[in-house]
């Protein structure tokens, strides 16, 4: 009877731990998704803005009769800006990944600590049961 009560009590104390772990994992997963979505949205918006600025700078008459050197310079400029955008995106994504990694490590440490607490409590209960049965 006492063993059954202890088992029920132990299972009731495990439920909040599991719920907290699931909540933390879900929170960090959603946060990661939103961060990646935000970074890609910013990159898309910036690219669109730069394209619009370039279209506004080029006159309609210049578009049809550009010398080849000027066209090459514009292509190089566009390529350079695109590379800068990709580099910026990579830097932001790397920073975001480091943040997620740190948060995941914190969550793992909390889970480990809670698991150790549960294990110690189970050992204490087992030790208490063994001493009460012997006496």
N, C-alpha and C. Protein backbone atom coordinates (compact mmCIF):
# COMPACT_ATOMS: atom_id res chain seq x y z
N UNK A 1 0.83 -1.19 0.00
CA UNK A 1 0.00 0.00 0.00
C UNK A 1 0.87 1.26 0.00
N UNK A 2 1.90 1.27 0.83
CA UNK A 2 2.79 2.41 0.90
C UNK A 2 3.56 2.57 -0.40
N UNK A 3 3.99 1.44 -0.99
CA UNK A 3 4.72 1.49 -2.26
C UNK A 3 3.87 2.10 -3.36
N UNK A 4 2.59 1.73 -3.38
CA UNK A 4 1.69 2.26 -4.41
C UNK A 4 1.48 3.77 -4.21
N UNK A 5 1.35 4.21 -2.98
CA UNK A 5 1.19 5.64 -2.71
C UNK A 5 2.44 6.40 -3.11
N UNK A 6 3.62 5.85 -2.80
CA UNK A 6 4.87 6.51 -3.19
C UNK A 6 5.01 6.59 -4.70
N UNK A 7 4.62 5.52 -5.39
CA UNK A 7 4.70 5.51 -6.86
C UNK A 7 3.76 6.56 -7.45
N UNK A 8 2.53 6.65 -6.90
CA UNK A 8 1.59 7.66 -7.38
C UNK A 8 2.09 9.06 -7.10
N UNK A 9 2.66 9.25 -5.91
CA UNK A 9 3.20 10.55 -5.55
C UNK A 9 4.36 10.93 -6.46
N UNK A 10 5.23 9.96 -6.76
CA UNK A 10 6.37 10.21 -7.64
C UNK A 10 5.89 10.56 -9.05
N UNK A 11 4.87 9.87 -9.55
CA UNK A 11 4.37 10.16 -10.90
C UNK A 11 3.73 11.53 -10.96
N UNK A 12 3.11 11.97 -9.87
CA UNK A 12 2.53 13.31 -9.84
C UNK A 12 3.60 14.40 -9.81
N UNK A 13 4.74 14.13 -9.21
CA UNK A 13 5.81 15.13 -9.21
C UNK A 13 6.55 15.16 -10.54
N UNK A 14 6.49 14.08 -11.32
CA UNK A 14 7.13 14.04 -12.63
C UNK A 14 6.37 14.84 -13.68
N UNK A 15 5.05 14.94 -13.54
CA UNK A 15 4.23 15.61 -14.55
C UNK A 15 4.61 17.09 -14.71
N UNK A 16 4.75 17.87 -13.64
CA UNK A 16 5.16 19.27 -13.85
C UNK A 16 6.54 19.40 -14.50
N UNK A 17 7.45 18.50 -14.15
CA UNK A 17 8.78 18.54 -14.76
C UNK A 17 8.68 18.29 -16.26
N UNK A 18 7.95 17.28 -16.64
CA UNK A 18 7.79 16.96 -18.07
C UNK A 18 7.09 18.10 -18.78
N UNK A 19 6.07 18.67 -18.17
CA UNK A 19 5.37 19.81 -18.79
C UNK A 19 6.30 21.00 -18.96
N UNK A 20 7.13 21.25 -17.96
CA UNK A 20 8.07 22.37 -18.04
C UNK A 20 9.11 22.13 -19.13
N UNK A 21 9.60 20.90 -19.24
CA UNK A 21 10.56 20.57 -20.28
C UNK A 21 9.94 20.73 -21.67
N UNK A 22 8.73 20.22 -21.84
CA UNK A 22 8.05 20.33 -23.13
C UNK A 22 7.79 21.78 -23.48
N UNK A 23 7.40 22.56 -22.49
CA UNK A 23 7.16 23.99 -22.73
C UNK A 23 8.44 24.69 -23.16
N UNK A 24 9.54 24.40 -22.49
CA UNK A 24 10.83 25.04 -22.84
C UNK A 24 11.27 24.66 -24.24
N UNK A 25 11.16 23.40 -24.58
CA UNK A 25 11.56 22.95 -25.91
C UNK A 25 10.68 23.58 -26.97
N UNK A 26 9.37 23.61 -26.74
CA UNK A 26 8.45 24.24 -27.69
C UNK A 26 8.71 25.73 -27.82
N UNK A 27 8.99 26.38 -26.71
CA UNK A 27 9.27 27.81 -26.74
C UNK A 27 10.51 28.11 -27.58
N UNK A 28 11.59 27.38 -27.36
CA UNK A 28 12.82 27.64 -28.10
C UNK A 28 12.69 27.26 -29.58
N UNK A 29 11.91 26.24 -29.87
CA UNK A 29 11.66 25.87 -31.27
C UNK A 29 10.89 26.99 -31.98
N UNK A 30 9.84 27.47 -31.35
CA UNK A 30 9.05 28.55 -31.95
C UNK A 30 9.88 29.82 -32.08
N UNK A 31 10.67 30.10 -31.09
CA UNK A 31 11.52 31.30 -31.14
C UNK A 31 12.55 31.20 -32.27
N UNK A 32 13.10 30.02 -32.46
CA UNK A 32 14.05 29.80 -33.55
C UNK A 32 13.37 30.01 -34.89
N UNK A 33 12.19 29.44 -35.05
CA UNK A 33 11.45 29.58 -36.31
C UNK A 33 11.15 31.05 -36.59
N UNK A 34 10.69 31.78 -35.59
CA UNK A 34 10.37 33.19 -35.79
C UNK A 34 11.62 34.01 -36.10
N UNK A 35 12.72 33.69 -35.47
CA UNK A 35 13.97 34.40 -35.75
C UNK A 35 14.44 34.20 -37.18
N UNK A 36 14.39 32.96 -37.65
CA UNK A 36 14.79 32.67 -39.03
C UNK A 36 13.83 33.35 -40.00
N UNK A 37 12.55 33.30 -39.70
CA UNK A 37 11.56 33.96 -40.56
C UNK A 37 11.81 35.47 -40.60
N UNK A 38 12.14 36.07 -39.48
CA UNK A 38 12.41 37.50 -39.42
C UNK A 38 13.65 37.86 -40.23
N UNK A 39 14.71 37.06 -40.11
CA UNK A 39 15.94 37.33 -40.84
C UNK A 39 15.69 37.25 -42.35
N UNK A 40 14.99 36.23 -42.79
CA UNK A 40 14.72 36.10 -44.23
C UNK A 40 13.81 37.21 -44.72
N UNK A 41 12.87 37.63 -43.90
CA UNK A 41 11.98 38.74 -44.29
C UNK A 41 12.78 40.04 -44.43
N UNK A 42 13.68 40.29 -43.51
CA UNK A 42 14.52 41.50 -43.57
C UNK A 42 15.38 41.48 -44.83
N UNK A 43 15.98 40.33 -45.13
CA UNK A 43 16.83 40.22 -46.32
C UNK A 43 16.00 40.44 -47.58
N UNK A 44 14.80 39.87 -47.63
CA UNK A 44 13.93 40.04 -48.80
C UNK A 44 13.53 41.51 -48.96
N UNK A 45 13.15 42.13 -47.87
CA UNK A 45 12.74 43.54 -47.91
C UNK A 45 13.89 44.43 -48.36
N UNK A 46 15.08 44.18 -47.83
CA UNK A 46 16.25 44.99 -48.19
C UNK A 46 16.59 44.81 -49.67
N UNK A 47 16.54 43.59 -50.14
CA UNK A 47 16.82 43.33 -51.56
C UNK A 47 15.81 44.04 -52.44
N UNK A 48 14.55 43.96 -52.08
CA UNK A 48 13.49 44.62 -52.86
C UNK A 48 13.70 46.14 -52.86
N UNK A 49 14.05 46.68 -51.71
CA UNK A 49 14.27 48.13 -51.60
C UNK A 49 15.44 48.56 -52.48
N UNK A 50 16.53 47.79 -52.45
CA UNK A 50 17.69 48.14 -53.27
C UNK A 50 17.37 48.02 -54.76
N UNK A 51 16.62 47.01 -55.14
CA UNK A 51 16.22 46.88 -56.54
C UNK A 51 15.37 48.07 -56.98
N UNK A 52 14.47 48.49 -56.11
CA UNK A 52 13.60 49.63 -56.43
C UNK A 52 14.43 50.91 -56.57
N UNK A 53 15.41 51.10 -55.69
CA UNK A 53 16.27 52.27 -55.79
C UNK A 53 17.05 52.28 -57.10
N UNK A 54 17.54 51.13 -57.50
CA UNK A 54 18.29 51.04 -58.76
C UNK A 54 17.38 51.33 -59.95
N UNK A 55 16.17 50.85 -59.92
CA UNK A 55 15.24 51.13 -61.02
C UNK A 55 14.91 52.61 -61.09
N UNK A 56 14.79 53.24 -59.94
CA UNK A 56 14.49 54.67 -59.92
C UNK A 56 15.66 55.51 -60.41
N UNK A 57 16.88 55.04 -60.21
CA UNK A 57 18.07 55.79 -60.63
C UNK A 57 18.30 55.73 -62.13
N UNK A 58 17.92 54.63 -62.74
CA UNK A 58 18.15 54.46 -64.17
C UNK A 58 16.99 55.09 -64.94
N UNK A 59 17.33 55.99 -65.85
CA UNK A 59 16.31 56.64 -66.69
C UNK A 59 15.86 55.64 -67.77
N UNK A 60 14.62 55.75 -68.24
CA UNK A 60 14.15 54.83 -69.27
C UNK A 60 14.98 54.89 -70.56
N UNK A 61 15.46 56.05 -70.96
CA UNK A 61 16.25 56.14 -72.18
C UNK A 61 17.63 55.50 -72.00
N UNK A 62 18.17 55.53 -70.79
CA UNK A 62 19.48 54.94 -70.52
C UNK A 62 19.41 53.42 -70.51
N UNK A 63 18.23 52.86 -70.18
CA UNK A 63 18.10 51.42 -70.09
C UNK A 63 18.35 50.74 -71.44
N UNK A 64 17.97 51.37 -72.52
CA UNK A 64 18.11 50.73 -73.83
C UNK A 64 19.46 50.97 -74.48
N UNK A 65 20.14 52.07 -74.12
CA UNK A 65 21.39 52.41 -74.82
C UNK A 65 22.57 52.55 -73.86
N UNK A 66 22.80 51.59 -72.98
CA UNK A 66 23.93 51.66 -72.07
C UNK A 66 25.17 51.08 -72.74
N UNK A 67 26.32 51.75 -72.59
CA UNK A 67 27.56 51.16 -73.08
C UNK A 67 27.89 49.91 -72.27
N UNK A 68 28.65 49.01 -72.87
CA UNK A 68 28.94 47.74 -72.21
C UNK A 68 29.75 47.92 -70.93
N UNK A 69 30.65 48.89 -70.88
CA UNK A 69 31.43 49.10 -69.66
C UNK A 69 30.55 49.54 -68.50
N UNK A 70 29.63 50.43 -68.79
CA UNK A 70 28.72 50.90 -67.74
C UNK A 70 27.83 49.75 -67.27
N UNK A 71 27.40 48.92 -68.17
CA UNK A 71 26.57 47.77 -67.80
C UNK A 71 27.37 46.80 -66.92
N UNK A 72 28.63 46.58 -67.26
CA UNK A 72 29.47 45.69 -66.46
C UNK A 72 29.68 46.26 -65.06
N UNK A 73 29.90 47.56 -64.97
CA UNK A 73 30.08 48.20 -63.66
C UNK A 73 28.83 48.05 -62.81
N UNK A 74 27.68 48.21 -63.44
CA UNK A 74 26.44 48.06 -62.69
C UNK A 74 26.25 46.61 -62.24
N UNK A 75 26.59 45.66 -63.09
CA UNK A 75 26.50 44.26 -62.71
C UNK A 75 27.44 43.94 -61.56
N UNK A 76 28.67 44.48 -61.61
CA UNK A 76 29.62 44.27 -60.53
C UNK A 76 29.11 44.90 -59.24
N UNK A 77 28.53 46.07 -59.36
CA UNK A 77 27.99 46.75 -58.19
C UNK A 77 26.84 45.93 -57.58
N UNK A 78 25.98 45.42 -58.44
CA UNK A 78 24.87 44.59 -57.96
C UNK A 78 25.38 43.31 -57.31
N UNK A 79 26.38 42.72 -57.94
CA UNK A 79 26.96 41.50 -57.38
C UNK A 79 27.58 41.77 -56.02
N UNK A 80 28.30 42.86 -55.91
CA UNK A 80 28.93 43.23 -54.64
C UNK A 80 27.87 43.46 -53.56
N UNK A 81 26.81 44.17 -53.91
CA UNK A 81 25.76 44.43 -52.93
C UNK A 81 25.04 43.14 -52.53
N UNK A 82 24.83 42.25 -53.51
CA UNK A 82 24.19 40.97 -53.19
C UNK A 82 25.08 40.14 -52.26
N UNK A 83 26.39 40.15 -52.53
CA UNK A 83 27.31 39.44 -51.65
C UNK A 83 27.31 40.03 -50.25
N UNK A 84 27.25 41.36 -50.18
CA UNK A 84 27.18 42.01 -48.87
C UNK A 84 25.91 41.61 -48.12
N UNK A 85 24.80 41.55 -48.85
CA UNK A 85 23.54 41.13 -48.23
C UNK A 85 23.63 39.69 -47.71
N UNK A 86 24.20 38.81 -48.52
CA UNK A 86 24.34 37.42 -48.10
C UNK A 86 25.26 37.32 -46.89
N UNK A 87 26.35 38.08 -46.90
CA UNK A 87 27.26 38.08 -45.76
C UNK A 87 26.57 38.58 -44.49
N UNK A 88 25.78 39.63 -44.64
CA UNK A 88 25.04 40.17 -43.50
C UNK A 88 24.03 39.15 -42.98
N UNK A 89 23.34 38.48 -43.91
CA UNK A 89 22.38 37.46 -43.53
C UNK A 89 23.08 36.31 -42.81
N UNK A 90 24.23 35.90 -43.32
CA UNK A 90 24.99 34.82 -42.69
C UNK A 90 25.44 35.22 -41.28
N UNK A 91 25.86 36.46 -41.13
CA UNK A 91 26.29 36.93 -39.81
C UNK A 91 25.12 36.94 -38.83
N UNK A 92 23.97 37.43 -39.27
CA UNK A 92 22.79 37.45 -38.40
C UNK A 92 22.35 36.04 -38.04
N UNK A 93 22.37 35.16 -39.03
CA UNK A 93 21.96 33.78 -38.78
C UNK A 93 22.94 33.10 -37.81
N UNK A 94 24.24 33.39 -37.96
CA UNK A 94 25.22 32.83 -37.04
C UNK A 94 25.02 33.33 -35.62
N UNK A 95 24.73 34.61 -35.48
CA UNK A 95 24.48 35.18 -34.16
C UNK A 95 23.22 34.57 -33.55
N UNK A 96 22.20 34.43 -34.38
CA UNK A 96 20.95 33.85 -33.89
C UNK A 96 21.17 32.39 -33.49
N UNK A 97 21.94 31.66 -34.27
CA UNK A 97 22.23 30.27 -33.96
C UNK A 97 22.97 30.15 -32.63
N UNK A 98 23.90 31.05 -32.38
CA UNK A 98 24.62 31.04 -31.10
C UNK A 98 23.67 31.30 -29.94
N UNK A 99 22.72 32.20 -30.13
CA UNK A 99 21.73 32.48 -29.08
C UNK A 99 20.88 31.25 -28.81
N UNK A 100 20.43 30.60 -29.87
CA UNK A 100 19.62 29.39 -29.71
C UNK A 100 20.43 28.30 -29.01
N UNK A 101 21.69 28.17 -29.39
CA UNK A 101 22.56 27.17 -28.77
C UNK A 101 22.69 27.42 -27.28
N UNK A 102 22.90 28.67 -26.91
CA UNK A 102 23.03 29.02 -25.49
C UNK A 102 21.74 28.71 -24.74
N UNK A 103 20.60 29.08 -25.33
CA UNK A 103 19.32 28.81 -24.68
C UNK A 103 19.07 27.31 -24.55
N UNK A 104 19.46 26.55 -25.57
CA UNK A 104 19.30 25.11 -25.52
C UNK A 104 20.18 24.51 -24.44
N UNK A 105 21.40 25.02 -24.30
CA UNK A 105 22.29 24.53 -23.25
C UNK A 105 21.72 24.83 -21.86
N UNK A 106 21.13 26.00 -21.71
CA UNK A 106 20.51 26.34 -20.42
C UNK A 106 19.35 25.39 -20.12
N UNK A 107 18.52 25.14 -21.13
CA UNK A 107 17.38 24.25 -20.94
C UNK A 107 17.86 22.85 -20.60
N UNK A 108 18.89 22.38 -21.29
CA UNK A 108 19.45 21.05 -21.02
C UNK A 108 19.98 20.98 -19.60
N UNK A 109 20.64 22.03 -19.15
CA UNK A 109 21.16 22.05 -17.78
C UNK A 109 20.02 21.99 -16.76
N UNK A 110 18.95 22.72 -17.04
CA UNK A 110 17.79 22.68 -16.12
C UNK A 110 17.18 21.29 -16.08
N UNK A 111 17.03 20.68 -17.26
CA UNK A 111 16.46 19.34 -17.32
C UNK A 111 17.34 18.36 -16.57
N UNK A 112 18.65 18.46 -16.78
CA UNK A 112 19.60 17.58 -16.08
C UNK A 112 19.48 17.75 -14.58
N UNK A 113 19.41 18.99 -14.13
CA UNK A 113 19.31 19.26 -12.69
C UNK A 113 18.01 18.71 -12.12
N UNK A 114 16.91 18.91 -12.84
CA UNK A 114 15.63 18.38 -12.37
C UNK A 114 15.63 16.86 -12.35
N UNK A 115 16.26 16.26 -13.35
CA UNK A 115 16.35 14.79 -13.39
C UNK A 115 17.18 14.28 -12.22
N UNK A 116 18.26 14.95 -11.92
CA UNK A 116 19.09 14.56 -10.77
C UNK A 116 18.30 14.70 -9.47
N UNK A 117 17.50 15.75 -9.37
CA UNK A 117 16.67 15.94 -8.17
C UNK A 117 15.66 14.79 -8.03
N UNK A 118 15.04 14.41 -9.14
CA UNK A 118 14.08 13.31 -9.10
C UNK A 118 14.77 12.02 -8.72
N UNK A 119 15.96 11.79 -9.30
CA UNK A 119 16.71 10.59 -8.98
C UNK A 119 17.09 10.57 -7.50
N UNK A 120 17.55 11.69 -6.98
CA UNK A 120 17.92 11.75 -5.56
C UNK A 120 16.70 11.52 -4.67
N UNK A 121 15.58 12.07 -5.08
CA UNK A 121 14.36 11.88 -4.30
C UNK A 121 13.93 10.41 -4.32
N UNK A 122 14.04 9.77 -5.47
CA UNK A 122 13.70 8.35 -5.58
C UNK A 122 14.64 7.51 -4.71
N UNK A 123 15.93 7.85 -4.71
CA UNK A 123 16.89 7.13 -3.87
C UNK A 123 16.56 7.32 -2.39
N UNK A 124 16.17 8.53 -2.05
CA UNK A 124 15.81 8.82 -0.66
C UNK A 124 14.58 8.02 -0.24
N UNK A 125 13.60 7.95 -1.13
CA UNK A 125 12.39 7.17 -0.84
C UNK A 125 12.74 5.69 -0.68
N UNK A 126 13.56 5.19 -1.59
CA UNK A 126 13.98 3.78 -1.52
C UNK A 126 14.75 3.52 -0.22
N UNK A 127 15.63 4.41 0.14
CA UNK A 127 16.41 4.27 1.38
C UNK A 127 15.48 4.29 2.59
N UNK A 128 14.51 5.20 2.58
CA UNK A 128 13.56 5.30 3.69
C UNK A 128 12.73 4.03 3.79
N UNK A 129 12.28 3.50 2.63
CA UNK A 129 11.49 2.26 2.64
C UNK A 129 12.31 1.09 3.16
N UNK A 130 13.55 0.99 2.75
CA UNK A 130 14.39 -0.12 3.20
C UNK A 130 14.62 -0.06 4.71
N UNK A 131 14.80 1.13 5.24
CA UNK A 131 15.02 1.26 6.69
C UNK A 131 13.76 1.03 7.49
N UNK A 132 12.59 1.42 6.96
CA UNK A 132 11.35 1.19 7.70
C UNK A 132 10.95 -0.28 7.65
N UNK A 133 11.28 -0.98 6.58
CA UNK A 133 10.95 -2.39 6.48
C UNK A 133 11.85 -3.21 7.42
N UNK A 134 13.13 -2.84 7.50
CA UNK A 134 14.08 -3.55 8.38
C UNK A 134 13.74 -3.35 9.84
N UNK A 135 13.34 -2.16 10.20
CA UNK A 135 13.04 -1.88 11.61
C UNK A 135 11.69 -2.40 11.91
